[in-house]
Amino acid sequence: MALMKVKFDMKTRVKLAQTVWFMYWFAVMAGVLVFSMGVFFNIELRKRSELMDNKESHFLPNLLILMGLITCGLNICGGKICYDSLDPSKWTKWKPFLKNFLMFCVVFNILLLVTALLCFLMRIPLQFTLAEGLKSGMKYYKDTDTPGRCYMKRTLDLMQIEFRCCGNENYKDWFEIQWISNRYLDFSAKEVKDRIGSNVDGQYLMDGVPFSCCNPSSPRPCIQYQMTNNSAHYSYDHYTEELNVWMRGCRDALLAYYGGMMFSIGALVVLVTVLEVAVTVGLQYVNTSLSTLANPDDPESESEGWILEKTVKETFTDIMATMKSIGKGNKVEEGGEATADATS
């Protein structure tokens, strides 16, 4: 028994084909949107690629670009098929390829759903990528004279200003690294010698942060040096007073930004998947309604359309049986080759 069988006459078949044709062109626009979002996401990631620990973070936007292009091409072809279904002479050209086209559409819909799931799940590896990338980038903040790293200071400063954040997890991360270049340190000064000699790595560490960590909304002039020294500043207690630097870490800020973007794109891809399933079902009805005309020579005769020729259970059983027969055929061929080799 066919699944979701529907009877059609000439008028309803034409209306069905026109509706599916319109939905296909709407799906083309959705494919353009997916492509555009993939390009935008890729550009946003490349803006801060120096702060990414690996290149796998670009896999998702590249996949979105690919899926967007395939969506556009697939739906343009489907729209053309629906348009030609209104002309019997043109429809006969598509009939031999239509079954394979529908199968490809089903596989593509599954891939679209997987892409949407990746948009929701890639937030977890992105968190570790940002954590390691920011940690590494902060170490190179002072290397403004080193080729390949001379723009890291600019990148980090602009990021902290734009996202209103400071450090990796918080502003105290800057206390653990030397972020001032040696060319700006007076090594003959006692303070510099003491700071360098006070740690095993020989770095100039201090309780200060770059200027980009300062919060311009604070009424007090920014305290970015000697932040833990209450006596260095008038009427100041770093334990109780709200500091006038950004308290949020850049990892959380970037993760919220990219995570929100990925969630929005994932929701969009889910909607596109629903639309693709709808047009695939519609094209299947168009195909079966034209293939089951009571009188093939009379386009105005009644017909029946369905999603599956059999029930879901029967269709699944047939697919499994086909796969088993293919597997047995391969085993027989391997066995035959082995016998032939032994005979020779």
C-alpha atoms as a PDB file:
ATOM      1  CA  MET A   1       0.000   0.000   0.000  1.00  0.00           C
ATOM      2  CA  ALA A   2       1.363   3.408  -1.020  1.00  0.00           C
ATOM      3  CA  LEU A   3       2.224   5.939   1.679  1.00  0.00           C
ATOM      4  CA  MET A   4       0.002   9.082   1.774  1.00  0.00           C
ATOM      5  CA  LYS A   5      -1.779   8.387  -1.510  1.00  0.00           C
ATOM      6  CA  VAL A   6      -3.603  11.360  -3.051  1.00  0.00           C
ATOM      7  CA  LYS A   7      -5.870  11.519  -6.110  1.00  0.00           C
ATOM      8  CA  PHE A   8      -5.281  14.215  -8.717  1.00  0.00           C
ATOM      9  CA  ASP A   9      -7.090  15.629 -11.695  1.00  0.00           C
ATOM     10  CA  MET A  10      -5.745  17.962 -14.364  1.00  0.00           C
ATOM     11  CA  LYS A  11      -6.452  21.129 -12.356  1.00  0.00           C
ATOM     12  CA  THR A  12      -4.874  19.914  -9.107  1.00  0.00           C
ATOM     13  CA  ARG A  13      -1.795  18.561 -10.943  1.00  0.00           C
ATOM     14  CA  VAL A  14      -1.207  21.954 -12.561  1.00  0.00           C
ATOM     15  CA  LYS A  15      -1.714  23.738  -9.251  1.00  0.00           C
ATOM     16  CA  LEU A  16       0.675  21.290  -7.534  1.00  0.00           C
ATOM     17  CA  ALA A  17       3.386  21.792 -10.163  1.00  0.00           C
ATOM     18  CA  GLN A  18       3.049  25.589  -9.986  1.00  0.00           C
ATOM     19  CA  THR A  19       3.180  25.573  -6.174  1.00  0.00           C
ATOM     20  CA  VAL A  20       6.259  23.335  -6.073  1.00  0.00           C
ATOM     21  CA  TRP A  21       7.890  25.487  -8.789  1.00  0.00           C
ATOM     22  CA  PHE A  22       7.343  28.588  -6.651  1.00  0.00           C
ATOM     23  CA  MET A  23       8.712  26.791  -3.566  1.00  0.00           C
ATOM     24  CA  TYR A  24      11.800  25.735  -5.510  1.00  0.00           C
ATOM     25  CA  TRP A  25      12.658  29.324  -6.402  1.00  0.00           C
ATOM     26  CA  PHE A  26      12.055  30.345  -2.816  1.00  0.00           C
ATOM     27  CA  ALA A  27      14.495  27.568  -1.849  1.00  0.00           C
ATOM     28  CA  VAL A  28      17.033  29.021  -4.313  1.00  0.00           C
ATOM     29  CA  MET A  29      16.903  32.287  -2.355  1.00  0.00           C
ATOM     30  CA  ALA A  30      17.370  30.285   0.848  1.00  0.00           C
ATOM     31  CA  GLY A  31      20.440  28.643  -0.700  1.00  0.00           C
ATOM     32  CA  VAL A  32      21.855  32.085  -1.552  1.00  0.00           C
ATOM     33  CA  LEU A  33      21.287  33.084   2.081  1.00  0.00           C
ATOM     34  CA  VAL A  34      23.127  29.989   3.369  1.00  0.00           C
ATOM     35  CA  PHE A  35      25.994  30.733   0.980  1.00  0.00           C
ATOM     36  CA  SER A  36      26.122  34.372   2.121  1.00  0.00           C
ATOM     37  CA  MET A  37      26.119  33.398   5.791  1.00  0.00           C
ATOM     38  CA  GLY A  38      28.955  30.953   5.131  1.00  0.00           C
ATOM     39  CA  VAL A  39      31.000  33.688   3.420  1.00  0.00           C
ATOM     40  CA  PHE A  40      30.272  36.140   6.251  1.00  0.00           C
ATOM     41  CA  PHE A  41      31.209  33.555   8.908  1.00  0.00           C
ATOM     42  CA  ASN A  42      34.424  32.738   7.045  1.00  0.00           C
ATOM     43  CA  ILE A  43      35.384  36.421   6.839  1.00  0.00           C
ATOM     44  CA  GLU A  44      34.702  36.938  10.554  1.00  0.00           C
ATOM     45  CA  LEU A  45      36.880  33.954  11.448  1.00  0.00           C
ATOM     46  CA  ARG A  46      39.705  35.079   9.157  1.00  0.00           C
ATOM     47  CA  LYS A  47      39.695  38.508  10.786  1.00  0.00           C
ATOM     48  CA  ARG A  48      40.958  36.826  13.942  1.00  0.00           C
ATOM     49  CA  SER A  49      42.609  33.744  12.432  1.00  0.00           C
ATOM     50  CA  GLU A  50      45.822  34.647  14.302  1.00  0.00           C
ATOM     51  CA  LEU A  51      43.940  33.969  17.526  1.00  0.00           C
ATOM     52  CA  MET A  52      42.715  30.546  16.411  1.00  0.00           C
ATOM     53  CA  ASP A  53      44.736  27.547  17.509  1.00  0.00           C
ATOM     54  CA  ASN A  54      44.075  25.521  14.333  1.00  0.00           C
ATOM     55  CA  LYS A  55      42.663  25.773  10.821  1.00  0.00           C
ATOM     56  CA  GLU A  56      39.823  23.305  11.459  1.00  0.00           C
ATOM     57  CA  SER A  57      37.693  26.229  12.627  1.00  0.00           C
ATOM     58  CA  HIS A  58      37.234  27.190   8.953  1.00  0.00           C
ATOM     59  CA  PHE A  59      35.732  23.794   8.092  1.00  0.00           C
ATOM     60  CA  LEU A  60      32.196  24.818   9.040  1.00  0.00           C
ATOM     61  CA  PRO A  61      32.005  28.077   7.020  1.00  0.00           C
ATOM     62  CA  ASN A  62      33.538  26.323   4.000  1.00  0.00           C
ATOM     63  CA  LEU A  63      30.938  23.558   4.369  1.00  0.00           C
ATOM     64  CA  LEU A  64      28.163  26.176   4.530  1.00  0.00           C
ATOM     65  CA  ILE A  65      29.461  27.801   1.340  1.00  0.00           C
ATOM     66  CA  LEU A  66      29.490  24.417  -0.422  1.00  0.00           C
ATOM     67  CA  MET A  67      26.004  23.469   0.815  1.00  0.00           C
ATOM     68  CA  GLY A  68      24.675  26.876  -0.233  1.00  0.00           C
ATOM     69  CA  LEU A  69      26.022  26.437  -3.773  1.00  0.00           C
ATOM     70  CA  ILE A  70      24.621  22.903  -4.059  1.00  0.00           C
ATOM     71  CA  THR A  71      21.261  24.115  -2.702  1.00  0.00           C
ATOM     72  CA  CYS A  72      21.062  26.792  -5.391  1.00  0.00           C
ATOM     73  CA  GLY A  73      21.992  24.421  -8.221  1.00  0.00           C
ATOM     74  CA  LEU A  74      19.724  21.620  -7.002  1.00  0.00           C
ATOM     75  CA  ASN A  75      16.691  23.867  -6.625  1.00  0.00           C
ATOM     76  CA  ILE A  76      17.201  25.574  -9.987  1.00  0.00           C
ATOM     77  CA  CYS A  77      17.181  22.115 -11.572  1.00  0.00           C
ATOM     78  CA  GLY A  78      14.104  21.083  -9.542  1.00  0.00           C
ATOM     79  CA  GLY A  79      12.286  24.256 -10.534  1.00  0.00           C
ATOM     80  CA  LYS A  80      13.030  23.553 -14.194  1.00  0.00           C
ATOM     81  CA  ILE A  81      11.655  20.006 -13.811  1.00  0.00           C
ATOM     82  CA  CYS A  82       8.418  21.293 -12.278  1.00  0.00           C
ATOM     83  CA  TYR A  83       8.054  23.913 -15.013  1.00  0.00           C
ATOM     84  CA  ASP A  84       8.559  21.292 -17.739  1.00  0.00           C
ATOM     85  CA  SER A  85       6.062  18.938 -16.088  1.00  0.00           C
ATOM     86  CA  LEU A  86       3.294  21.157 -17.495  1.00  0.00           C
ATOM     87  CA  ASP A  87       4.438  20.248 -21.026  1.00  0.00           C
ATOM     88  CA  PRO A  88       4.196  16.474 -21.797  1.00  0.00           C
ATOM     89  CA  SER A  89       6.815  16.690 -24.576  1.00  0.00           C
ATOM     90  CA  LYS A  90       9.382  18.249 -22.231  1.00  0.00           C
ATOM     91  CA  TRP A  91       8.436  16.031 -19.297  1.00  0.00           C
ATOM     92  CA  THR A  92       9.489  12.848 -21.117  1.00  0.00           C
ATOM     93  CA  LYS A  93      13.109  14.099 -21.162  1.00  0.00           C
ATOM     94  CA  TRP A  94      13.254  14.177 -17.359  1.00  0.00           C
ATOM     95  CA  LYS A  95      11.553  10.869 -16.561  1.00  0.00           C
ATOM     96  CA  PRO A  96      14.661   8.622 -16.939  1.00  0.00           C
ATOM     97  CA  PHE A  97      16.694  10.799 -14.532  1.00  0.00           C
ATOM     98  CA  LEU A  98      14.005  11.761 -12.051  1.00  0.00           C
ATOM     99  CA  LYS A  99      14.346   8.753  -9.730  1.00  0.00           C
ATOM    100  CA  ASN A 100      18.094   9.335  -9.292  1.00  0.00           C
ATOM    101  CA  PHE A 101      17.492  13.065  -8.859  1.00  0.00           C
ATOM    102  CA  LEU A 102      14.992  12.404  -6.063  1.00  0.00           C
ATOM    103  CA  MET A 103      17.400   9.990  -4.365  1.00  0.00           C
ATOM    104  CA  PHE A 104      20.141  12.635  -4.497  1.00  0.00           C
ATOM    105  CA  CYS A 105      17.712  15.147  -2.994  1.00  0.00           C
ATOM    106  CA  VAL A 106      17.005  12.797  -0.071  1.00  0.00           C
ATOM    107  CA  VAL A 107      20.737  12.292   0.584  1.00  0.00           C
ATOM    108  CA  PHE A 108      21.326  16.037   0.311  1.00  0.00           C
ATOM    109  CA  ASN A 109      18.566  16.732   2.838  1.00  0.00           C
ATOM    110  CA  ILE A 110      20.310  14.418   5.299  1.00  0.00           C
ATOM    111  CA  LEU A 111      23.602  16.247   4.698  1.00  0.00           C
ATOM    112  CA  LEU A 112      21.844  19.569   5.311  1.00  0.00           C
ATOM    113  CA  LEU A 113      20.551  18.287   8.634  1.00  0.00           C
ATOM    114  CA  VAL A 114      24.053  17.105   9.581  1.00  0.00           C
ATOM    115  CA  THR A 115      25.387  20.571   8.679  1.00  0.00           C
ATOM    116  CA  ALA A 116      22.799  22.155  10.975  1.00  0.00           C
ATOM    117  CA  LEU A 117      23.826  19.836  13.820  1.00  0.00           C
ATOM    118  CA  LEU A 118      27.475  20.766  13.276  1.00  0.00           C
ATOM    119  CA  CYS A 119      26.549  24.433  13.649  1.00  0.00           C
ATOM    120  CA  PHE A 120      25.184  23.662  17.115  1.00  0.00           C
ATOM    121  CA  LEU A 121      27.946  21.243  18.161  1.00  0.00           C
ATOM    122  CA  MET A 122      31.053  23.085  16.887  1.00  0.00           C
ATOM    123  CA  ARG A 123      30.785  25.519  19.804  1.00  0.00           C
ATOM    124  CA  ILE A 124      32.614  23.004  22.028  1.00  0.00           C
ATOM    125  CA  PRO A 125      35.821  22.637  19.933  1.00  0.00           C
ATOM    126  CA  LEU A 126      35.697  26.380  19.204  1.00  0.00           C
ATOM    127  CA  GLN A 127      35.992  27.042  22.946  1.00  0.00           C
ATOM    128  CA  PHE A 128      39.270  25.115  23.161  1.00  0.00           C
ATOM    129  CA  THR A 129      40.527  26.641  19.903  1.00  0.00           C
ATOM    130  CA  LEU A 130      39.972  30.160  21.223  1.00  0.00           C
ATOM    131  CA  ALA A 131      41.479  29.372  24.627  1.00  0.00           C
ATOM    132  CA  GLU A 132      44.739  28.065  23.171  1.00  0.00           C
ATOM    133  CA  GLY A 133      44.873  30.673  20.404  1.00  0.00           C
ATOM    134  CA  LEU A 134      44.394  33.607  22.770  1.00  0.00           C
ATOM    135  CA  LYS A 135      46.932  32.216  25.213  1.00  0.00           C
ATOM    136  CA  SER A 136      49.491  31.907  22.424  1.00  0.00           C
ATOM    137  CA  GLY A 137      48.630  35.310  20.931  1.00  0.00           C
ATOM    138  CA  MET A 138      49.091  37.112  24.237  1.00  0.00           C
ATOM    139  CA  LYS A 139      52.645  35.758  24.476  1.00  0.00           C
ATOM    140  CA  TYR A 140      53.444  37.427  21.132  1.00  0.00           C
ATOM    141  CA  TYR A 141      51.876  40.772  22.074  1.00  0.00           C
ATOM    142  CA  LYS A 142      55.297  42.328  22.719  1.00  0.00           C
ATOM    143  CA  ASP A 143      56.919  41.003  19.496  1.00  0.00           C
ATOM    144  CA  THR A 144      56.172  44.076  17.366  1.00  0.00           C
ATOM    145  CA  ASP A 145      59.582  43.785  15.658  1.00  0.00           C
ATOM    146  CA  THR A 146      59.321  40.080  14.830  1.00  0.00           C
ATOM    147  CA  PRO A 147      58.221  39.229  11.241  1.00  0.00           C
ATOM    148  CA  GLY A 148      54.914  37.390  11.254  1.00  0.00           C
ATOM    149  CA  ARG A 149      53.992  38.631  14.723  1.00  0.00           C
ATOM    150  CA  CYS A 150      54.300  42.397  14.333  1.00  0.00           C
ATOM    151  CA  TYR A 151      50.520  42.819  13.990  1.00  0.00           C
ATOM    152  CA  MET A 152      49.567  40.684  16.991  1.00  0.00           C
ATOM    153  CA  LYS A 153      49.537  43.696  19.342  1.00  0.00           C
ATOM    154  CA  ARG A 154      47.196  45.576  17.006  1.00  0.00           C
ATOM    155  CA  THR A 155      44.925  42.524  16.618  1.00  0.00           C
ATOM    156  CA  LEU A 156      44.646  41.967  20.378  1.00  0.00           C
ATOM    157  CA  ASP A 157      44.124  45.641  21.174  1.00  0.00           C
ATOM    158  CA  LEU A 158      41.368  46.028  18.581  1.00  0.00           C
ATOM    159  CA  MET A 159      39.733  42.809  19.788  1.00  0.00           C
ATOM    160  CA  GLN A 160      39.727  43.905  23.442  1.00  0.00           C
ATOM    161  CA  ILE A 161      38.298  47.299  22.508  1.00  0.00           C
ATOM    162  CA  GLU A 162      35.634  45.881  20.176  1.00  0.00           C
ATOM    163  CA  PHE A 163      34.470  43.056  22.438  1.00  0.00           C
ATOM    164  CA  ARG A 164      35.019  44.947  25.723  1.00  0.00           C
ATOM    165  CA  CYS A 165      37.116  42.181  27.201  1.00  0.00           C
ATOM    166  CA  CYS A 166      40.544  41.723  28.754  1.00  0.00           C
ATOM    167  CA  GLY A 167      42.894  38.738  28.732  1.00  0.00           C
ATOM    168  CA  ASN A 168      41.993  35.126  28.052  1.00  0.00           C
ATOM    169  CA  GLU A 169      39.846  34.220  31.064  1.00  0.00           C
ATOM    170  CA  ASN A 170      40.160  37.633  32.804  1.00  0.00           C
ATOM    171  CA  TYR A 171      42.484  40.618  33.167  1.00  0.00           C
ATOM    172  CA  LYS A 172      44.832  38.737  35.529  1.00  0.00           C
ATOM    173  CA  ASP A 173      46.130  36.682  32.594  1.00  0.00           C
ATOM    174  CA  TRP A 174      48.266  39.693  31.633  1.00  0.00           C
ATOM    175  CA  PHE A 175      50.024  39.450  35.024  1.00  0.00           C
ATOM    176  CA  GLU A 176      51.504  36.084  34.041  1.00  0.00           C
ATOM    177  CA  ILE A 177      53.274  37.094  30.808  1.00  0.00           C
ATOM    178  CA  GLN A 178      55.680  39.799  29.692  1.00  0.00           C
ATOM    179  CA  TRP A 179      53.656  41.985  27.338  1.00  0.00           C
ATOM    180  CA  ILE A 180      56.119  44.934  27.190  1.00  0.00           C
ATOM    181  CA  SER A 181      58.899  44.633  24.599  1.00  0.00           C
ATOM    182  CA  ASN A 182      62.503  44.588  25.840  1.00  0.00           C
ATOM    183  CA  ARG A 183      63.279  47.584  23.635  1.00  0.00           C
ATOM    184  CA  TYR A 184      61.179  49.738  25.954  1.00  0.00           C
ATOM    185  CA  LEU A 185      62.792  48.518  29.184  1.00  0.00           C
ATOM    186  CA  ASP A 186      65.733  50.162  30.905  1.00  0.00           C
ATOM    187  CA  PHE A 187      67.797  47.156  32.040  1.00  0.00           C
ATOM    188  CA  SER A 188      70.072  49.408  34.103  1.00  0.00           C
ATOM    189  CA  ALA A 189      67.174  50.385  36.364  1.00  0.00           C
ATOM    190  CA  LYS A 190      66.927  48.543  39.683  1.00  0.00           C
ATOM    191  CA  GLU A 191      63.160  47.967  39.367  1.00  0.00           C
ATOM    192  CA  VAL A 192      63.573  46.254  36.010  1.00  0.00           C
ATOM    193  CA  LYS A 193      66.424  44.061  37.309  1.00  0.00           C
ATOM    194  CA  ASP A 194      64.401  43.067  40.360  1.00  0.00           C
ATOM    195  CA  ARG A 195      61.322  42.130  38.341  1.00  0.00           C
ATOM    196  CA  ILE A 196      63.340  40.093  35.843  1.00  0.00           C
ATOM    197  CA  GLY A 197      65.259  38.354  38.596  1.00  0.00           C
ATOM    198  CA  SER A 198      62.145  37.577  40.615  1.00  0.00           C
ATOM    199  CA  ASN A 199      60.963  34.752  38.284  1.00  0.00           C
ATOM    200  CA  VAL A 200      62.687  31.702  36.825  1.00  0.00           C
ATOM    201  CA  ASP A 201      61.786  32.570  33.206  1.00  0.00           C
ATOM    202  CA  GLY A 202      63.577  35.911  33.378  1.00  0.00           C
ATOM    203  CA  GLN A 203      60.529  37.845  32.213  1.00  0.00           C
ATOM    204  CA  TYR A 204      59.463  41.346  33.132  1.00  0.00           C
ATOM    205  CA  LEU A 205      56.169  40.602  34.882  1.00  0.00           C
ATOM    206  CA  MET A 206      53.959  43.204  36.511  1.00  0.00           C
ATOM    207  CA  ASP A 207      50.437  43.691  37.785  1.00  0.00           C
ATOM    208  CA  GLY A 208      49.354  45.749  34.801  1.00  0.00           C
ATOM    209  CA  VAL A 209      47.328  45.412  31.584  1.00  0.00           C
ATOM    210  CA  PRO A 210      47.464  47.042  28.101  1.00  0.00           C
ATOM    211  CA  PHE A 211      45.533  50.266  27.513  1.00  0.00           C
ATOM    212  CA  SER A 212      42.907  48.401  25.438  1.00  0.00           C
ATOM    213  CA  CYS A 213      41.636  46.791  28.651  1.00  0.00           C
ATOM    214  CA  CYS A 214      40.495  50.160  30.023  1.00  0.00           C
ATOM    215  CA  ASN A 215      36.770  50.815  30.331  1.00  0.00           C
ATOM    216  CA  PRO A 216      36.057  54.321  28.959  1.00  0.00           C
ATOM    217  CA  SER A 217      32.767  54.431  30.870  1.00  0.00           C
ATOM    218  CA  SER A 218      34.583  54.484  34.214  1.00  0.00           C
ATOM    219  CA  PRO A 219      34.558  57.954  35.879  1.00  0.00           C
ATOM    220  CA  ARG A 220      38.056  57.379  37.239  1.00  0.00           C
ATOM    221  CA  PRO A 221      41.179  57.639  35.037  1.00  0.00           C
ATOM    222  CA  CYS A 222      42.228  54.166  34.012  1.00  0.00           C
ATOM    223  CA  ILE A 223      44.430  52.333  36.491  1.00  0.00           C
ATOM    224  CA  GLN A 224      46.317  49.896  34.285  1.00  0.00           C
ATOM    225  CA  TYR A 225      49.605  49.686  36.222  1.00  0.00           C
ATOM    226  CA  GLN A 226      50.194  48.504  39.803  1.00  0.00           C
ATOM    227  CA  MET A 227      46.612  47.315  39.915  1.00  0.00           C
ATOM    228  CA  THR A 228      47.151  45.301  43.115  1.00  0.00           C
ATOM    229  CA  ASN A 229      49.108  48.031  44.929  1.00  0.00           C
ATOM    230  CA  ASN A 230      46.633  50.066  46.969  1.00  0.00           C
ATOM    231  CA  SER A 231      49.280  52.553  48.144  1.00  0.00           C
ATOM    232  CA  ALA A 232      50.214  53.489  44.565  1.00  0.00           C
ATOM    233  CA  HIS A 233      46.842  55.164  43.979  1.00  0.00           C
ATOM    234  CA  TYR A 234      44.805  57.605  46.044  1.00  0.00           C
ATOM    235  CA  SER A 235      41.608  56.284  47.615  1.00  0.00           C
ATOM    236  CA  TYR A 236      41.992  52.873  46.008  1.00  0.00           C
ATOM    237  CA  ASP A 237      41.340  49.338  47.205  1.00  0.00           C
ATOM    238  CA  HIS A 238      41.489  46.662  44.525  1.00  0.00           C
ATOM    239  CA  TYR A 239      39.727  44.149  46.801  1.00  0.00           C
ATOM    240  CA  THR A 240      36.533  46.161  47.183  1.00  0.00           C
ATOM    241  CA  GLU A 241      36.561  48.824  44.481  1.00  0.00           C
ATOM    242  CA  GLU A 242      35.145  48.047  41.044  1.00  0.00           C
ATOM    243  CA  LEU A 243      38.119  48.101  38.678  1.00  0.00           C
ATOM    244  CA  ASN A 244      37.944  50.362  35.662  1.00  0.00           C
ATOM    245  CA  VAL A 245      39.129  47.691  33.217  1.00  0.00           C
ATOM    246  CA  TRP A 246      37.004  45.150  31.400  1.00  0.00           C
ATOM    247  CA  MET A 247      36.281  42.244  33.730  1.00  0.00           C
ATOM    248  CA  ARG A 248      35.124  39.811  31.075  1.00  0.00           C
ATOM    249  CA  GLY A 249      37.644  37.466  29.457  1.00  0.00           C
ATOM    250  CA  CYS A 250      38.024  37.581  25.672  1.00  0.00           C
ATOM    251  CA  ARG A 251      37.503  33.843  25.317  1.00  0.00           C
ATOM    252  CA  ASP A 252      33.977  34.116  26.710  1.00  0.00           C
ATOM    253  CA  ALA A 253      33.298  37.254  24.665  1.00  0.00           C
ATOM    254  CA  LEU A 254      34.435  35.692  21.379  1.00  0.00           C
ATOM    255  CA  LEU A 255      32.695  32.420  22.176  1.00  0.00           C
ATOM    256  CA  ALA A 256      29.426  34.271  22.793  1.00  0.00           C
ATOM    257  CA  TYR A 257      29.839  36.180  19.520  1.00  0.00           C
ATOM    258  CA  TYR A 258      30.747  33.219  17.317  1.00  0.00           C
ATOM    259  CA  GLY A 259      28.451  30.866  19.246  1.00  0.00           C
ATOM    260  CA  GLY A 260      25.478  33.159  18.670  1.00  0.00           C
ATOM    261  CA  MET A 261      26.375  33.388  15.001  1.00  0.00           C
ATOM    262  CA  MET A 262      26.633  29.597  14.692  1.00  0.00           C
ATOM    263  CA  PHE A 263      23.311  29.101  16.483  1.00  0.00           C
ATOM    264  CA  SER A 264      21.574  31.538  14.118  1.00  0.00           C
ATOM    265  CA  ILE A 265      23.112  29.879  11.056  1.00  0.00           C
ATOM    266  CA  GLY A 266      22.170  26.433  12.406  1.00  0.00           C
ATOM    267  CA  ALA A 267      18.553  27.538  12.870  1.00  0.00           C
ATOM    268  CA  LEU A 268      18.578  28.909   9.297  1.00  0.00           C
ATOM    269  CA  VAL A 269      19.923  25.615   7.907  1.00  0.00           C
ATOM    270  CA  VAL A 270      17.215  23.697   9.805  1.00  0.00           C
ATOM    271  CA  LEU A 271      14.554  25.871   8.157  1.00  0.00           C
ATOM    272  CA  VAL A 272      16.190  25.351   4.763  1.00  0.00           C
ATOM    273  CA  THR A 273      16.197  21.587   5.405  1.00  0.00           C
ATOM    274  CA  VAL A 274      12.459  21.666   6.152  1.00  0.00           C
ATOM    275  CA  LEU A 275      11.908  23.594   2.922  1.00  0.00           C
ATOM    276  CA  GLU A 276      14.059  21.125   0.969  1.00  0.00           C
ATOM    277  CA  VAL A 277      12.092  18.189   2.381  1.00  0.00           C
ATOM    278  CA  ALA A 278       8.853  19.933   1.351  1.00  0.00           C
ATOM    279  CA  VAL A 279       9.966  20.504  -2.251  1.00  0.00           C
ATOM    280  CA  THR A 280      11.323  16.951  -2.489  1.00  0.00           C
ATOM    281  CA  VAL A 281       7.958  15.576  -1.356  1.00  0.00           C
ATOM    282  CA  GLY A 282       6.178  17.926  -3.759  1.00  0.00           C
ATOM    283  CA  LEU A 283       8.333  16.792  -6.690  1.00  0.00           C
ATOM    284  CA  GLN A 284       7.662  13.165  -5.774  1.00  0.00           C
ATOM    285  CA  TYR A 285       3.921  13.857  -5.940  1.00  0.00           C
ATOM    286  CA  VAL A 286       4.376  15.562  -9.312  1.00  0.00           C
ATOM    287  CA  ASN A 287       6.359  12.584 -10.597  1.00  0.00           C
ATOM    288  CA  THR A 288       3.997   9.866  -9.368  1.00  0.00           C
ATOM    289  CA  SER A 289       0.837  11.766 -10.381  1.00  0.00           C
ATOM    290  CA  LEU A 290       2.109  12.069 -13.963  1.00  0.00           C
ATOM    291  CA  SER A 291       3.346   8.466 -14.049  1.00  0.00           C
ATOM    292  CA  THR A 292      -0.010   6.984 -12.999  1.00  0.00           C
ATOM    293  CA  LEU A 293      -2.352   8.691 -15.443  1.00  0.00           C
ATOM    294  CA  ALA A 294      -5.436   6.543 -16.076  1.00  0.00           C
ATOM    295  CA  ASN A 295      -5.043   7.318 -19.779  1.00  0.00           C
ATOM    296  CA  PRO A 296      -1.492   8.403 -20.703  1.00  0.00           C
ATOM    297  CA  ASP A 297      -2.759   9.835 -23.995  1.00  0.00           C
ATOM    298  CA  ASP A 298      -5.256  12.048 -22.166  1.00  0.00           C
ATOM    299  CA  PRO A 299      -3.523  14.651 -19.938  1.00  0.00           C
ATOM    300  CA  GLU A 300      -6.884  15.516 -18.327  1.00  0.00           C
ATOM    301  CA  SER A 301      -7.449  12.017 -16.922  1.00  0.00           C
ATOM    302  CA  GLU A 302      -7.223  11.325 -13.195  1.00  0.00           C
ATOM    303  CA  SER A 303      -4.145   9.904 -11.472  1.00  0.00           C
ATOM    304  CA  GLU A 304      -2.734   9.049  -8.057  1.00  0.00           C
ATOM    305  CA  GLY A 305       0.343  10.361  -6.296  1.00  0.00           C
ATOM    306  CA  TRP A 306       2.230   9.181  -3.229  1.00  0.00           C
ATOM    307  CA  ILE A 307       5.415   9.718  -1.256  1.00  0.00           C
ATOM    308  CA  LEU A 308       6.435   6.052  -1.163  1.00  0.00           C
ATOM    309  CA  GLU A 309       5.099   3.279  -3.322  1.00  0.00           C
ATOM    310  CA  LYS A 310       5.047   1.052  -0.226  1.00  0.00           C
ATOM    311  CA  THR A 311       4.891   1.654   3.506  1.00  0.00           C
ATOM    312  CA  VAL A 312       7.982   2.810   5.380  1.00  0.00           C
ATOM    313  CA  LYS A 313       8.516  -0.668   6.850  1.00  0.00           C
ATOM    314  CA  GLU A 314       8.190  -2.399   3.483  1.00  0.00           C
ATOM    315  CA  THR A 315      10.484   0.150   1.815  1.00  0.00           C
ATOM    316  CA  PHE A 316      13.124  -0.313   4.522  1.00  0.00           C
ATOM    317  CA  THR A 317      12.867  -4.118   4.163  1.00  0.00           C
ATOM    318  CA  ASP A 318      13.359  -3.857   0.384  1.00  0.00           C
ATOM    319  CA  ILE A 319      16.401  -1.608   0.816  1.00  0.00           C
ATOM    320  CA  MET A 320      17.996  -4.029   3.306  1.00  0.00           C
ATOM    321  CA  ALA A 321      17.291  -6.977   1.017  1.00  0.00           C
ATOM    322  CA  THR A 322      18.905  -5.138  -1.905  1.00  0.00           C
ATOM    323  CA  MET A 323      21.986  -4.343   0.174  1.00  0.00           C
ATOM    324  CA  LYS A 324      22.263  -7.987   1.298  1.00  0.00           C
ATOM    325  CA  SER A 325      21.994  -9.246  -2.275  1.00  0.00           C
ATOM    326  CA  ILE A 326      24.740  -6.824  -3.349  1.00  0.00           C
ATOM    327  CA  GLY A 327      26.926  -8.063  -0.482  1.00  0.00           C
ATOM    328  CA  LYS A 328      26.345 -11.708  -1.431  1.00  0.00           C
ATOM    329  CA  GLY A 329      27.139 -10.897  -5.057  1.00  0.00           C
ATOM    330  CA  ASN A 330      30.480  -9.416  -4.047  1.00  0.00           C
ATOM    331  CA  LYS A 331      31.300 -12.468  -1.921  1.00  0.00           C
ATOM    332  CA  VAL A 332      30.467 -14.798  -4.826  1.00  0.00           C
ATOM    333  CA  GLU A 333      32.745 -12.798  -7.142  1.00  0.00           C
ATOM    334  CA  GLU A 334      35.598 -12.882  -4.610  1.00  0.00           C
ATOM    335  CA  GLY A 335      35.107 -16.615  -4.118  1.00  0.00           C
ATOM    336  CA  GLY A 336      35.116 -17.190  -7.871  1.00  0.00           C
ATOM    337  CA  GLU A 337      38.339 -15.228  -8.291  1.00  0.00           C
ATOM    338  CA  ALA A 338      39.977 -17.147  -5.435  1.00  0.00           C
ATOM    339  CA  THR A 339      38.987 -20.511  -7.058  1.00  0.00           C
ATOM    340  CA  ALA A 340      40.304 -19.379 -10.399  1.00  0.00           C
ATOM    341  CA  ASP A 341      43.617 -18.370  -8.844  1.00  0.00           C
ATOM    342  CA  ALA A 342      43.929 -21.718  -7.047  1.00  0.00           C
ATOM    343  CA  THR A 343      43.191 -23.624 -10.292  1.00  0.00           C
ATOM    344  CA  SER A 344      45.787 -21.682 -12.209  1.00  0.00           C
END
